[in-house]
Amino acid sequence: MPRKFATWGLYTLLGAGTLFLVSCATMNSPADSTSAPTHTMTLSDHEFAPVDFVPQAGDRILISNHSDISHSIYVTYPDGTMVNLGVQTPGKTVSWVVPKEAKGEFLLQCWIHPIIRATLDVNDTRVSSSVSPVSSVVSSGLSGQEIRNGRQNICSSRNRRA
């Protein structure tokens, strides 16, 4: 009799444990199937490509590195808070989610190559976002073409290969 009781108790315990695990797995599931939009930004030729979207709070931003060098993108929030997205090697994509209730200008910039930057204006009306052209970012007296030529010589790994 005790062995039969132990077997029955074991099955009951396993069943209760399974129900508990299933309920925990579904507890954090969203109530609806809608999700925030995902937008993609591209790094190529050592600069951000122009964006065709205006992010809202909660949107996911994917940043794809199509250049031939590594980058380390960080985001500066309107209040000055900085978030580092880590080192991004060629061909890799990093992700950043616009904070809930975010509003204002967010600056995305490469820590390694500070000339690489983009501004995202997060607001309720989806009015604007931009990628800063090289010539407006640097006030060194050099033309945009001179800066691009110099950047290619300094940053491009193609020029360092044997």
Foldseek 3Di string as FASTA:
>chain_A
DVVVVVVVVVVVVVVVVVVVVVCVVCVPPDPDPDAAAEAEWEQELNAIDWGDWAHEAFYKYKYAYQYQAKWWKWKQAPVRDIGTQGIGHHGGITMDGHHPPGAAKMKIATPVDRLHIWIHGYDDPGDDTTGDQSQVVDPPPDHSVVVSVVCCCPPHCVNVDD
